[in-house]
Amino acid sequence: MVIEVADTGVGMTDAVRLRSLEPFFTTKGEEGTGLGLAVVHGVVQRHNGTVDIRSEVGQGSTFIMKFPIADGQNTEIKGDDPVEEQVAARKRILLVDDGEAPLRITDEMLREVGHDVVAVRSGIEALERFPTGEFDVVITDRAMPGMNGDDVAAAVKKADPDMPVIMLTGFGAMMEFSGEQPESVDLIVSKPFTMAELVEALSKVDPGAAHAE
């Protein structure tokens, strides 16, 4: 099945078009959050679909969404997409990010693939919530006021050494290149990230049966 949505707006350059599906990417400055197309892309991916964008500056854009067609026998579509594989592995996740927009979009991504999420806006609030919930994994931003992600990770590991901690940061590529990784962090994910990258990160820090629901 193919769905096409077109507009007659200002269009996009090739550079913008190639990045338009990235979470948090926007050309609207402080007025934009970079959430709209990222959410659409996530929903399409969840249904094993693809999104293709054709655009020309001054001529508008066309968004082409392709979905597989069921055979009428309620047969589940299988594939190698890590997003699909993760759906059955529901986890309870403590998500920490001081940015309202990044927190919301990451929360939506995780819920879209079936996880239960407790989302908080500060490291202090995260540590207040951590003892009260049986979490399977903690995902934290790094650069946060008051208590940064390094401190959150260290406190979480002190309370539960087996708890997986994933760190989200815009400096992820630089940290990986330099070999910089906080001792209490199991995996670093670079911002901006796709849903598939986030799901892959969760699969790499499998918390095991000790924290499974």
N, C-alpha and C. Protein backbone atom coordinates (compact mmCIF):
# COMPACT_ATOMS: atom_id res chain seq x y z
N MET A 1 0.84 -1.18 0.00
CA MET A 1 0.00 0.00 0.00
C MET A 1 0.88 1.24 0.00
N VAL A 2 0.53 2.22 -0.81
CA VAL A 2 1.31 3.45 -0.91
C VAL A 2 0.41 4.65 -0.59
N ILE A 3 0.88 5.52 0.29
CA ILE A 3 0.17 6.75 0.63
C ILE A 3 1.08 7.92 0.29
N GLU A 4 0.58 8.87 -0.47
CA GLU A 4 1.35 10.05 -0.81
C GLU A 4 0.67 11.29 -0.24
N VAL A 5 1.46 12.14 0.39
CA VAL A 5 0.98 13.42 0.92
C VAL A 5 1.87 14.51 0.33
N ALA A 6 1.26 15.50 -0.32
CA ALA A 6 2.04 16.54 -0.98
C ALA A 6 1.61 17.92 -0.49
N ASP A 7 2.55 18.87 -0.55
CA ASP A 7 2.22 20.25 -0.23
C ASP A 7 2.81 21.16 -1.30
N THR A 8 2.44 22.42 -1.24
CA THR A 8 2.94 23.40 -2.21
C THR A 8 3.74 24.48 -1.49
N GLY A 9 4.46 24.05 -0.45
CA GLY A 9 5.22 24.99 0.36
C GLY A 9 6.55 25.38 -0.25
N VAL A 10 7.48 25.77 0.63
CA VAL A 10 8.76 26.30 0.17
C VAL A 10 9.71 25.21 -0.30
N GLY A 11 9.41 23.95 0.02
CA GLY A 11 10.29 22.87 -0.39
C GLY A 11 11.54 22.79 0.47
N MET A 12 12.40 21.82 0.14
CA MET A 12 13.62 21.60 0.92
C MET A 12 14.81 21.42 0.00
N THR A 13 15.95 21.84 0.47
CA THR A 13 17.20 21.54 -0.23
C THR A 13 17.51 20.06 0.00
N ASP A 14 18.43 19.50 -0.76
CA ASP A 14 18.79 18.10 -0.56
C ASP A 14 19.38 17.88 0.82
N ALA A 15 20.15 18.84 1.31
CA ALA A 15 20.76 18.70 2.63
C ALA A 15 19.71 18.63 3.72
N VAL A 16 18.68 19.46 3.63
CA VAL A 16 17.60 19.45 4.61
C VAL A 16 16.77 18.18 4.46
N ARG A 17 16.47 17.80 3.25
CA ARG A 17 15.65 16.60 3.01
C ARG A 17 16.29 15.36 3.62
N LEU A 18 17.61 15.23 3.49
CA LEU A 18 18.30 14.05 4.00
C LEU A 18 18.27 13.97 5.52
N ARG A 19 18.08 15.11 6.19
CA ARG A 19 18.08 15.12 7.65
C ARG A 19 16.69 15.32 8.23
N SER A 20 15.69 15.49 7.39
CA SER A 20 14.37 15.90 7.86
C SER A 20 13.68 14.89 8.77
N LEU A 21 14.06 13.62 8.71
CA LEU A 21 13.42 12.61 9.55
C LEU A 21 14.14 12.41 10.88
N GLU A 22 15.26 13.10 11.07
CA GLU A 22 16.00 12.95 12.31
C GLU A 22 15.26 13.62 13.47
N PRO A 23 15.15 12.94 14.61
CA PRO A 23 14.55 13.59 15.78
C PRO A 23 15.33 14.84 16.15
N PHE A 24 14.62 15.90 16.50
CA PHE A 24 15.16 17.17 16.99
C PHE A 24 15.72 18.06 15.87
N PHE A 25 15.78 17.57 14.62
CA PHE A 25 16.29 18.42 13.53
C PHE A 25 15.19 19.36 13.07
N THR A 26 15.49 20.66 13.01
CA THR A 26 14.51 21.64 12.58
C THR A 26 15.20 22.80 11.89
N THR A 27 14.50 23.43 10.97
CA THR A 27 15.00 24.64 10.31
C THR A 27 14.26 25.88 10.81
N LYS A 28 13.46 25.72 11.86
CA LYS A 28 12.62 26.80 12.36
C LYS A 28 13.20 27.51 13.58
N GLY A 29 14.44 27.21 13.90
CA GLY A 29 15.06 27.87 15.05
C GLY A 29 14.37 27.50 16.35
N GLU A 30 14.22 28.46 17.25
CA GLU A 30 13.62 28.21 18.55
C GLU A 30 12.14 27.89 18.47
N GLU A 31 11.51 28.21 17.34
CA GLU A 31 10.08 27.94 17.19
C GLU A 31 9.80 26.49 16.84
N GLY A 32 10.81 25.75 16.42
CA GLY A 32 10.60 24.36 16.02
C GLY A 32 11.16 23.39 17.04
N THR A 33 10.60 22.18 17.07
CA THR A 33 11.09 21.14 17.97
C THR A 33 11.69 19.96 17.22
N GLY A 34 11.43 19.85 15.92
CA GLY A 34 11.93 18.71 15.17
C GLY A 34 11.22 17.42 15.53
N LEU A 35 9.96 17.52 15.96
CA LEU A 35 9.22 16.34 16.41
C LEU A 35 8.32 15.73 15.34
N GLY A 36 7.70 16.58 14.51
CA GLY A 36 6.64 16.11 13.62
C GLY A 36 7.02 14.96 12.72
N LEU A 37 7.99 15.17 11.83
CA LEU A 37 8.37 14.12 10.89
C LEU A 37 9.02 12.93 11.60
N ALA A 38 9.72 13.20 12.70
CA ALA A 38 10.34 12.10 13.45
C ALA A 38 9.28 11.15 14.01
N VAL A 39 8.19 11.71 14.51
CA VAL A 39 7.10 10.88 15.03
C VAL A 39 6.44 10.10 13.90
N VAL A 40 6.19 10.78 12.77
CA VAL A 40 5.61 10.09 11.61
C VAL A 40 6.50 8.94 11.18
N HIS A 41 7.80 9.19 11.09
CA HIS A 41 8.73 8.15 10.69
C HIS A 41 8.70 6.98 11.64
N GLY A 42 8.63 7.27 12.94
CA GLY A 42 8.57 6.20 13.92
C GLY A 42 7.33 5.34 13.78
N VAL A 43 6.19 5.97 13.56
CA VAL A 43 4.93 5.22 13.40
C VAL A 43 4.99 4.35 12.15
N VAL A 44 5.51 4.91 11.06
CA VAL A 44 5.62 4.14 9.81
C VAL A 44 6.56 2.95 10.00
N GLN A 45 7.70 3.17 10.66
CA GLN A 45 8.63 2.08 10.92
C GLN A 45 7.98 0.98 11.75
N ARG A 46 7.19 1.40 12.73
CA ARG A 46 6.52 0.42 13.62
C ARG A 46 5.62 -0.51 12.82
N HIS A 47 5.12 -0.06 11.68
CA HIS A 47 4.25 -0.89 10.84
C HIS A 47 5.01 -1.44 9.63
N ASN A 48 6.34 -1.54 9.78
CA ASN A 48 7.19 -2.13 8.73
C ASN A 48 7.15 -1.34 7.43
N GLY A 49 6.87 -0.05 7.52
CA GLY A 49 6.80 0.77 6.32
C GLY A 49 8.05 1.60 6.11
N THR A 50 8.08 2.32 5.01
CA THR A 50 9.19 3.19 4.68
C THR A 50 8.66 4.57 4.29
N VAL A 51 9.50 5.57 4.43
CA VAL A 51 9.14 6.94 4.05
C VAL A 51 10.16 7.45 3.04
N ASP A 52 9.68 7.94 1.91
CA ASP A 52 10.53 8.55 0.91
C ASP A 52 10.06 9.99 0.71
N ILE A 53 11.01 10.92 0.64
CA ILE A 53 10.66 12.33 0.50
C ILE A 53 11.24 12.87 -0.79
N ARG A 54 10.39 13.51 -1.58
CA ARG A 54 10.84 14.18 -2.79
C ARG A 54 10.49 15.66 -2.65
N SER A 55 11.47 16.49 -2.87
CA SER A 55 11.23 17.92 -2.63
C SER A 55 12.11 18.76 -3.55
N GLU A 56 11.60 19.93 -3.88
CA GLU A 56 12.34 20.89 -4.69
C GLU A 56 12.07 22.28 -4.13
N VAL A 57 13.12 23.03 -3.93
CA VAL A 57 12.99 24.37 -3.36
C VAL A 57 12.04 25.20 -4.21
N GLY A 58 11.04 25.79 -3.54
CA GLY A 58 10.06 26.62 -4.22
C GLY A 58 8.91 25.86 -4.86
N GLN A 59 8.98 24.52 -4.84
CA GLN A 59 7.96 23.70 -5.51
C GLN A 59 7.20 22.79 -4.55
N GLY A 60 7.54 22.80 -3.27
CA GLY A 60 6.84 21.94 -2.33
C GLY A 60 7.51 20.58 -2.15
N SER A 61 6.83 19.73 -1.38
CA SER A 61 7.38 18.41 -1.05
C SER A 61 6.31 17.34 -1.18
N THR A 62 6.76 16.12 -1.47
CA THR A 62 5.87 14.96 -1.51
C THR A 62 6.43 13.89 -0.60
N PHE A 63 5.60 13.37 0.30
CA PHE A 63 6.00 12.34 1.25
C PHE A 63 5.32 11.04 0.82
N ILE A 64 6.12 10.03 0.53
CA ILE A 64 5.61 8.77 0.02
C ILE A 64 5.83 7.69 1.08
N MET A 65 4.73 7.16 1.63
CA MET A 65 4.80 6.13 2.66
C MET A 65 4.34 4.81 2.08
N LYS A 66 5.18 3.79 2.20
CA LYS A 66 4.88 2.46 1.66
C LYS A 66 4.75 1.46 2.80
N PHE A 67 3.66 0.67 2.76
CA PHE A 67 3.40 -0.32 3.78
C PHE A 67 3.18 -1.69 3.14
N PRO A 68 3.62 -2.76 3.80
CA PRO A 68 3.33 -4.09 3.27
C PRO A 68 1.85 -4.40 3.42
N ILE A 69 1.30 -5.18 2.51
CA ILE A 69 -0.12 -5.54 2.53
C ILE A 69 -0.28 -6.92 3.14
N ALA A 70 -1.18 -7.03 4.13
CA ALA A 70 -1.47 -8.33 4.74
C ALA A 70 -2.17 -9.23 3.74
N ASP A 71 -2.05 -10.56 3.94
CA ASP A 71 -2.63 -11.51 2.99
C ASP A 71 -4.09 -11.85 3.29
N GLY A 72 -4.67 -11.17 4.30
CA GLY A 72 -6.08 -11.42 4.61
C GLY A 72 -6.30 -12.53 5.60
N GLN A 73 -5.23 -13.17 6.06
CA GLN A 73 -5.36 -14.28 7.00
C GLN A 73 -4.79 -13.94 8.37
N ASN A 74 -4.71 -12.64 8.64
CA ASN A 74 -4.22 -12.16 9.93
C ASN A 74 -2.81 -12.66 10.23
N THR A 75 -2.01 -12.78 9.18
CA THR A 75 -0.64 -13.26 9.31
C THR A 75 0.27 -12.11 9.71
N GLU A 76 1.04 -12.33 10.75
CA GLU A 76 1.93 -11.29 11.23
C GLU A 76 3.12 -11.16 10.29
N ILE A 77 3.46 -9.94 9.94
CA ILE A 77 4.57 -9.69 9.04
C ILE A 77 5.86 -9.73 9.84
N LYS A 78 6.81 -10.51 9.35
CA LYS A 78 8.09 -10.65 10.03
C LYS A 78 9.18 -9.95 9.23
N GLY A 79 10.26 -9.62 9.90
CA GLY A 79 11.37 -8.99 9.19
C GLY A 79 12.58 -8.91 10.08
N ASP A 80 13.64 -8.36 9.55
CA ASP A 80 14.88 -8.24 10.29
C ASP A 80 15.03 -6.90 10.97
N ASP A 81 13.99 -6.07 10.89
CA ASP A 81 14.04 -4.74 11.47
C ASP A 81 14.17 -4.85 12.99
N PRO A 82 15.24 -4.28 13.61
CA PRO A 82 15.39 -4.38 15.06
C PRO A 82 14.24 -3.75 15.81
N VAL A 83 13.54 -2.78 15.21
CA VAL A 83 12.38 -2.20 15.87
C VAL A 83 11.31 -3.24 16.07
N GLU A 84 11.07 -4.08 15.05
CA GLU A 84 10.05 -5.12 15.16
C GLU A 84 10.42 -6.15 16.21
N GLU A 85 11.71 -6.55 16.24
CA GLU A 85 12.14 -7.58 17.16
C GLU A 85 11.99 -7.14 18.61
N GLN A 86 12.06 -5.83 18.85
CA GLN A 86 12.03 -5.33 20.22
C GLN A 86 10.62 -5.25 20.78
N VAL A 87 9.60 -5.27 19.95
CA VAL A 87 8.24 -5.04 20.42
C VAL A 87 7.83 -6.01 21.51
N ALA A 88 8.24 -7.29 21.38
CA ALA A 88 7.82 -8.30 22.35
C ALA A 88 8.59 -8.19 23.67
N ALA A 89 9.71 -7.48 23.69
CA ALA A 89 10.55 -7.40 24.88
C ALA A 89 10.24 -6.12 25.65
N ARG A 90 9.06 -6.06 26.23
CA ARG A 90 8.65 -4.86 26.96
C ARG A 90 9.53 -4.63 28.18
N LYS A 91 9.94 -3.39 28.36
CA LYS A 91 10.77 -3.03 29.51
C LYS A 91 10.17 -1.81 30.21
N ARG A 92 10.47 -1.70 31.48
CA ARG A 92 10.09 -0.52 32.24
C ARG A 92 11.31 0.38 32.31
N ILE A 93 11.21 1.56 31.74
CA ILE A 93 12.37 2.42 31.53
C ILE A 93 12.23 3.72 32.31
N LEU A 94 13.30 4.10 33.00
CA LEU A 94 13.38 5.42 33.64
C LEU A 94 14.15 6.31 32.68
N LEU A 95 13.48 7.33 32.14
CA LEU A 95 14.05 8.22 31.13
C LEU A 95 14.29 9.60 31.75
N VAL A 96 15.51 10.13 31.57
CA VAL A 96 15.88 11.40 32.19
C VAL A 96 16.43 12.35 31.13
N ASP A 97 15.82 13.52 31.00
CA ASP A 97 16.33 14.55 30.09
C ASP A 97 15.74 15.88 30.52
N ASP A 98 16.57 16.90 30.66
CA ASP A 98 16.07 18.20 31.12
C ASP A 98 15.38 18.98 30.01
N GLY A 99 15.54 18.57 28.76
CA GLY A 99 14.90 19.25 27.65
C GLY A 99 13.50 18.72 27.41
N GLU A 100 12.52 19.60 27.37
CA GLU A 100 11.13 19.18 27.22
C GLU A 100 10.90 18.44 25.91
N ALA A 101 11.38 19.00 24.80
CA ALA A 101 11.16 18.37 23.50
C ALA A 101 11.88 17.04 23.36
N PRO A 102 13.19 16.95 23.68
CA PRO A 102 13.86 15.65 23.60
C PRO A 102 13.24 14.59 24.49
N LEU A 103 12.81 15.00 25.69
CA LEU A 103 12.19 14.06 26.61
C LEU A 103 10.89 13.52 26.01
N ARG A 104 10.09 14.41 25.43
CA ARG A 104 8.80 13.99 24.88
C ARG A 104 8.97 13.05 23.69
N ILE A 105 9.87 13.39 22.78
CA ILE A 105 10.01 12.57 21.58
C ILE A 105 10.63 11.22 21.91
N THR A 106 11.59 11.19 22.82
CA THR A 106 12.19 9.91 23.21
C THR A 106 11.17 9.04 23.93
N ASP A 107 10.37 9.67 24.78
CA ASP A 107 9.28 8.97 25.47
C ASP A 107 8.33 8.35 24.45
N GLU A 108 7.95 9.13 23.44
CA GLU A 108 7.02 8.63 22.41
C GLU A 108 7.64 7.49 21.61
N MET A 109 8.92 7.60 21.31
CA MET A 109 9.61 6.53 20.58
C MET A 109 9.55 5.21 21.36
N LEU A 110 9.89 5.30 22.64
CA LEU A 110 9.93 4.10 23.47
C LEU A 110 8.55 3.48 23.65
N ARG A 111 7.54 4.32 23.85
CA ARG A 111 6.18 3.81 24.00
C ARG A 111 5.67 3.21 22.70
N GLU A 112 6.10 3.78 21.57
CA GLU A 112 5.67 3.30 20.27
C GLU A 112 6.07 1.85 20.04
N VAL A 113 7.20 1.42 20.61
CA VAL A 113 7.62 0.04 20.45
C VAL A 113 7.28 -0.81 21.68
N GLY A 114 6.37 -0.32 22.50
CA GLY A 114 5.78 -1.16 23.54
C GLY A 114 6.36 -1.09 24.92
N HIS A 115 7.26 -0.15 25.19
CA HIS A 115 7.85 -0.07 26.52
C HIS A 115 7.03 0.79 27.47
N ASP A 116 7.18 0.55 28.76
CA ASP A 116 6.59 1.39 29.79
C ASP A 116 7.65 2.41 30.22
N VAL A 117 7.29 3.68 30.24
CA VAL A 117 8.28 4.73 30.48
C VAL A 117 7.85 5.64 31.62
N VAL A 118 8.80 5.92 32.50
CA VAL A 118 8.65 6.97 33.50
C VAL A 118 9.63 8.07 33.09
N ALA A 119 9.13 9.21 32.64
CA ALA A 119 9.97 10.29 32.11
C ALA A 119 10.06 11.42 33.11
N VAL A 120 11.29 11.85 33.43
CA VAL A 120 11.50 12.93 34.40
C VAL A 120 12.46 13.96 33.82
N ARG A 121 12.41 15.18 34.38
CA ARG A 121 13.13 16.32 33.82
C ARG A 121 14.45 16.65 34.54
N SER A 122 14.86 15.88 35.52
CA SER A 122 16.10 16.19 36.22
C SER A 122 16.69 14.93 36.84
N GLY A 123 18.01 15.00 37.08
CA GLY A 123 18.68 13.89 37.71
C GLY A 123 18.19 13.67 39.14
N ILE A 124 17.92 14.75 39.84
CA ILE A 124 17.43 14.63 41.22
C ILE A 124 16.09 13.91 41.26
N GLU A 125 15.19 14.28 40.35
CA GLU A 125 13.88 13.60 40.30
C GLU A 125 14.05 12.14 39.92
N ALA A 126 15.01 11.86 39.05
CA ALA A 126 15.25 10.47 38.63
C ALA A 126 15.66 9.62 39.83
N LEU A 127 16.53 10.15 40.66
CA LEU A 127 16.98 9.37 41.82
C LEU A 127 15.89 9.25 42.88
N GLU A 128 14.95 10.18 42.87
CA GLU A 128 13.80 10.06 43.78
C GLU A 128 12.86 8.96 43.31
N ARG A 129 12.73 8.83 41.97
CA ARG A 129 11.82 7.84 41.42
C ARG A 129 12.43 6.45 41.33
N PHE A 130 13.75 6.38 41.20
CA PHE A 130 14.42 5.09 40.97
C PHE A 130 14.09 4.03 42.02
N PRO A 131 14.13 4.36 43.32
CA PRO A 131 13.85 3.32 44.32
C PRO A 131 12.39 2.87 44.34
N THR A 132 11.50 3.67 43.76
CA THR A 132 10.07 3.37 43.87
C THR A 132 9.55 2.52 42.72
N GLY A 133 10.38 2.30 41.69
CA GLY A 133 9.92 1.53 40.54
C GLY A 133 10.86 0.39 40.22
N GLU A 134 10.32 -0.72 39.75
CA GLU A 134 11.15 -1.86 39.36
C GLU A 134 11.55 -1.68 37.90
N PHE A 135 12.60 -0.89 37.68
CA PHE A 135 13.02 -0.55 36.33
C PHE A 135 13.94 -1.61 35.74
N ASP A 136 13.90 -1.72 34.41
CA ASP A 136 14.77 -2.64 33.70
C ASP A 136 15.99 -1.93 33.12
N VAL A 137 15.87 -0.63 32.90
CA VAL A 137 16.98 0.13 32.32
C VAL A 137 16.77 1.61 32.59
N VAL A 138 17.87 2.34 32.71
CA VAL A 138 17.84 3.80 32.88
C VAL A 138 18.47 4.43 31.64
N ILE A 139 17.76 5.40 31.06
CA ILE A 139 18.29 6.15 29.92
C ILE A 139 18.39 7.61 30.34
N THR A 140 19.58 8.17 30.28
CA THR A 140 19.77 9.54 30.77
C THR A 140 20.53 10.41 29.80
N ASP A 141 20.10 11.67 29.72
CA ASP A 141 20.86 12.69 29.02
C ASP A 141 22.14 12.93 29.82
N ARG A 142 23.14 13.54 29.18
CA ARG A 142 24.37 13.81 29.92
C ARG A 142 24.42 15.23 30.47
N ALA A 143 24.26 16.22 29.60
CA ALA A 143 24.39 17.62 30.01
C ALA A 143 23.09 18.11 30.62
N MET A 144 23.02 18.09 31.94
CA MET A 144 21.82 18.56 32.66
C MET A 144 22.26 19.41 33.84
N PRO A 145 21.53 20.47 34.16
CA PRO A 145 21.88 21.31 35.30
C PRO A 145 21.63 20.60 36.62
N GLY A 146 22.40 20.97 37.63
CA GLY A 146 22.21 20.40 38.96
C GLY A 146 22.90 19.07 39.12
N MET A 147 22.39 18.06 38.46
CA MET A 147 22.98 16.72 38.48
C MET A 147 23.04 16.20 37.05
N ASN A 148 24.24 16.03 36.53
CA ASN A 148 24.35 15.61 35.14
C ASN A 148 24.21 14.10 34.99
N GLY A 149 24.28 13.65 33.75
CA GLY A 149 24.08 12.23 33.49
C GLY A 149 25.13 11.32 34.10
N ASP A 150 26.36 11.82 34.18
CA ASP A 150 27.43 11.03 34.82
C ASP A 150 27.07 10.75 36.28
N ASP A 151 26.57 11.78 36.96
CA ASP A 151 26.20 11.63 38.38
C ASP A 151 25.00 10.69 38.54
N VAL A 152 24.04 10.82 37.63
CA VAL A 152 22.86 9.94 37.67
C VAL A 152 23.30 8.49 37.51
N ALA A 153 24.14 8.24 36.50
CA ALA A 153 24.61 6.88 36.24
C ALA A 153 25.35 6.30 37.44
N ALA A 154 26.22 7.12 38.05
CA ALA A 154 26.99 6.65 39.20
C ALA A 154 26.09 6.30 40.37
N ALA A 155 25.07 7.15 40.62
CA ALA A 155 24.15 6.90 41.73
C ALA A 155 23.30 5.65 41.48
N VAL A 156 22.88 5.46 40.23
CA VAL A 156 22.09 4.29 39.88
C VAL A 156 22.91 3.01 40.08
N LYS A 157 24.15 3.02 39.61
CA LYS A 157 25.01 1.84 39.74
C LYS A 157 25.34 1.55 41.20
N LYS A 158 25.45 2.61 42.01
CA LYS A 158 25.72 2.40 43.43
C LYS A 158 24.54 1.69 44.09
N ALA A 159 23.33 2.08 43.68
CA ALA A 159 22.12 1.47 44.25
C ALA A 159 21.88 0.07 43.68
N ASP A 160 22.20 -0.12 42.41
CA ASP A 160 21.97 -1.41 41.75
C ASP A 160 23.05 -1.60 40.69
N PRO A 161 24.15 -2.28 41.01
CA PRO A 161 25.26 -2.45 40.08
C PRO A 161 24.88 -3.15 38.77
N ASP A 162 23.79 -3.91 38.78
CA ASP A 162 23.40 -4.65 37.58
C ASP A 162 22.45 -3.87 36.68
N MET A 163 22.06 -2.68 37.09
CA MET A 163 21.10 -1.91 36.29
C MET A 163 21.79 -1.32 35.05
N PRO A 164 21.30 -1.64 33.86
CA PRO A 164 21.87 -1.06 32.64
C PRO A 164 21.59 0.44 32.56
N VAL A 165 22.60 1.20 32.15
CA VAL A 165 22.45 2.65 31.99
C VAL A 165 22.90 3.03 30.58
N ILE A 166 22.01 3.68 29.85
CA ILE A 166 22.32 4.20 28.52
C ILE A 166 22.39 5.72 28.60
N MET A 167 23.42 6.30 28.03
CA MET A 167 23.59 7.75 28.05
C MET A 167 23.31 8.34 26.67
N LEU A 168 22.48 9.38 26.62
CA LEU A 168 22.19 10.11 25.40
C LEU A 168 22.97 11.42 25.41
N THR A 169 23.69 11.71 24.35
CA THR A 169 24.46 12.93 24.32
C THR A 169 24.77 13.37 22.90
N GLY A 170 24.79 14.67 22.70
CA GLY A 170 25.15 15.22 21.40
C GLY A 170 26.63 15.08 21.10
N PHE A 171 27.41 14.70 22.10
CA PHE A 171 28.85 14.51 21.92
C PHE A 171 29.22 13.04 21.87
N GLY A 172 28.25 12.19 21.56
CA GLY A 172 28.48 10.75 21.57
C GLY A 172 29.58 10.31 20.63
N ALA A 173 29.57 10.82 19.38
CA ALA A 173 30.59 10.42 18.41
C ALA A 173 31.98 10.83 18.88
N MET A 174 32.07 12.05 19.45
CA MET A 174 33.36 12.54 19.95
C MET A 174 33.84 11.68 21.13
N MET A 175 32.91 11.31 22.01
CA MET A 175 33.27 10.50 23.16
C MET A 175 33.74 9.12 22.73
N GLU A 176 33.07 8.53 21.74
CA GLU A 176 33.47 7.22 21.26
C GLU A 176 34.85 7.28 20.60
N PHE A 177 35.09 8.35 19.84
CA PHE A 177 36.37 8.50 19.15
C PHE A 177 37.52 8.62 20.15
N SER A 178 37.28 9.37 21.23
CA SER A 178 38.34 9.59 22.22
C SER A 178 38.40 8.50 23.28
N GLY A 179 37.43 7.58 23.25
CA GLY A 179 37.40 6.52 24.25
C GLY A 179 36.87 6.97 25.59
N GLU A 180 36.21 8.12 25.61
CA GLU A 180 35.67 8.66 26.86
C GLU A 180 34.29 8.06 27.13
N GLN A 181 34.19 7.28 28.19
CA GLN A 181 32.91 6.73 28.59
C GLN A 181 32.88 6.62 30.10
N PRO A 182 31.93 7.29 30.75
CA PRO A 182 31.84 7.22 32.21
C PRO A 182 31.78 5.76 32.68
N GLU A 183 32.45 5.48 33.76
CA GLU A 183 32.55 4.11 34.26
C GLU A 183 31.19 3.48 34.52
N SER A 184 30.22 4.28 34.93
CA SER A 184 28.91 3.74 35.29
C SER A 184 27.94 3.66 34.11
N VAL A 185 28.40 4.01 32.92
CA VAL A 185 27.55 3.99 31.73
C VAL A 185 27.86 2.75 30.89
N ASP A 186 26.82 2.01 30.53
CA ASP A 186 27.01 0.79 29.75
C ASP A 186 27.09 1.06 28.25
N LEU A 187 26.38 2.09 27.78
CA LEU A 187 26.35 2.35 26.34
C LEU A 187 26.04 3.82 26.10
N ILE A 188 26.67 4.39 25.08
CA ILE A 188 26.43 5.78 24.69
C ILE A 188 25.69 5.81 23.37
N VAL A 189 24.65 6.65 23.29
CA VAL A 189 23.89 6.85 22.04
C VAL A 189 24.00 8.32 21.68
N SER A 190 24.42 8.59 20.45
CA SER A 190 24.60 9.96 19.99
C SER A 190 23.28 10.61 19.61
N LYS A 191 23.10 11.85 20.02
CA LYS A 191 21.98 12.67 19.56
C LYS A 191 22.38 13.39 18.29
N PRO A 192 21.49 13.54 17.31
CA PRO A 192 20.15 12.95 17.27
C PRO A 192 20.22 11.48 16.88
N PHE A 193 19.22 10.72 17.26
CA PHE A 193 19.20 9.28 16.99
C PHE A 193 17.87 8.90 16.37
N THR A 194 17.86 7.75 15.74
CA THR A 194 16.62 7.23 15.16
C THR A 194 16.00 6.23 16.12
N MET A 195 14.76 5.87 15.86
CA MET A 195 14.12 4.86 16.69
C MET A 195 14.88 3.54 16.63
N ALA A 196 15.32 3.18 15.42
CA ALA A 196 16.06 1.92 15.26
C ALA A 196 17.34 1.92 16.09
N GLU A 197 18.03 3.05 16.14
CA GLU A 197 19.26 3.14 16.93
C GLU A 197 18.97 3.03 18.41
N LEU A 198 17.88 3.61 18.86
CA LEU A 198 17.51 3.54 20.26
C LEU A 198 17.14 2.11 20.64
N VAL A 199 16.38 1.45 19.78
CA VAL A 199 15.99 0.07 20.03
C VAL A 199 17.20 -0.85 20.04
N GLU A 200 18.12 -0.61 19.12
CA GLU A 200 19.34 -1.42 19.07
C GLU A 200 20.15 -1.27 20.36
N ALA A 201 20.20 -0.04 20.87
CA ALA A 201 20.92 0.20 22.12
C ALA A 201 20.30 -0.59 23.26
N LEU A 202 18.99 -0.62 23.31
CA LEU A 202 18.30 -1.38 24.36
C LEU A 202 18.60 -2.87 24.26
N SER A 203 18.70 -3.37 23.03
CA SER A 203 18.99 -4.79 22.85
C SER A 203 20.41 -5.12 23.28
N LYS A 204 21.32 -4.16 23.18
CA LYS A 204 22.71 -4.41 23.54
C LYS A 204 22.94 -4.43 25.05
N VAL A 205 22.05 -3.80 25.80
CA VAL A 205 22.20 -3.79 27.26
C VAL A 205 21.10 -4.62 27.89
N ASP A 206 20.89 -5.80 27.34
CA ASP A 206 19.85 -6.70 27.82
C ASP A 206 19.96 -6.84 29.34
N PRO A 207 18.97 -6.40 30.08
CA PRO A 207 19.04 -6.44 31.53
C PRO A 207 18.91 -7.83 32.12
N GLY A 208 18.48 -8.81 31.32
CA GLY A 208 18.37 -10.16 31.83
C GLY A 208 17.16 -10.39 32.72
N ALA A 209 17.08 -11.56 33.23
CA ALA A 209 15.89 -11.96 33.99
C ALA A 209 15.79 -11.27 35.34
N ALA A 210 16.91 -10.74 35.85
CA ALA A 210 16.89 -10.17 37.20
C ALA A 210 15.94 -8.99 37.31
N HIS A 211 15.73 -8.26 36.18
CA HIS A 211 14.87 -7.09 36.24
C HIS A 211 13.67 -7.23 35.31
N ALA A 212 13.46 -8.41 34.78
CA ALA A 212 12.34 -8.60 33.84
C ALA A 212 11.03 -8.59 34.58
N GLU A 213 9.98 -8.14 33.90
CA GLU A 213 8.68 -8.11 34.54
C GLU A 213 8.07 -9.50 34.51
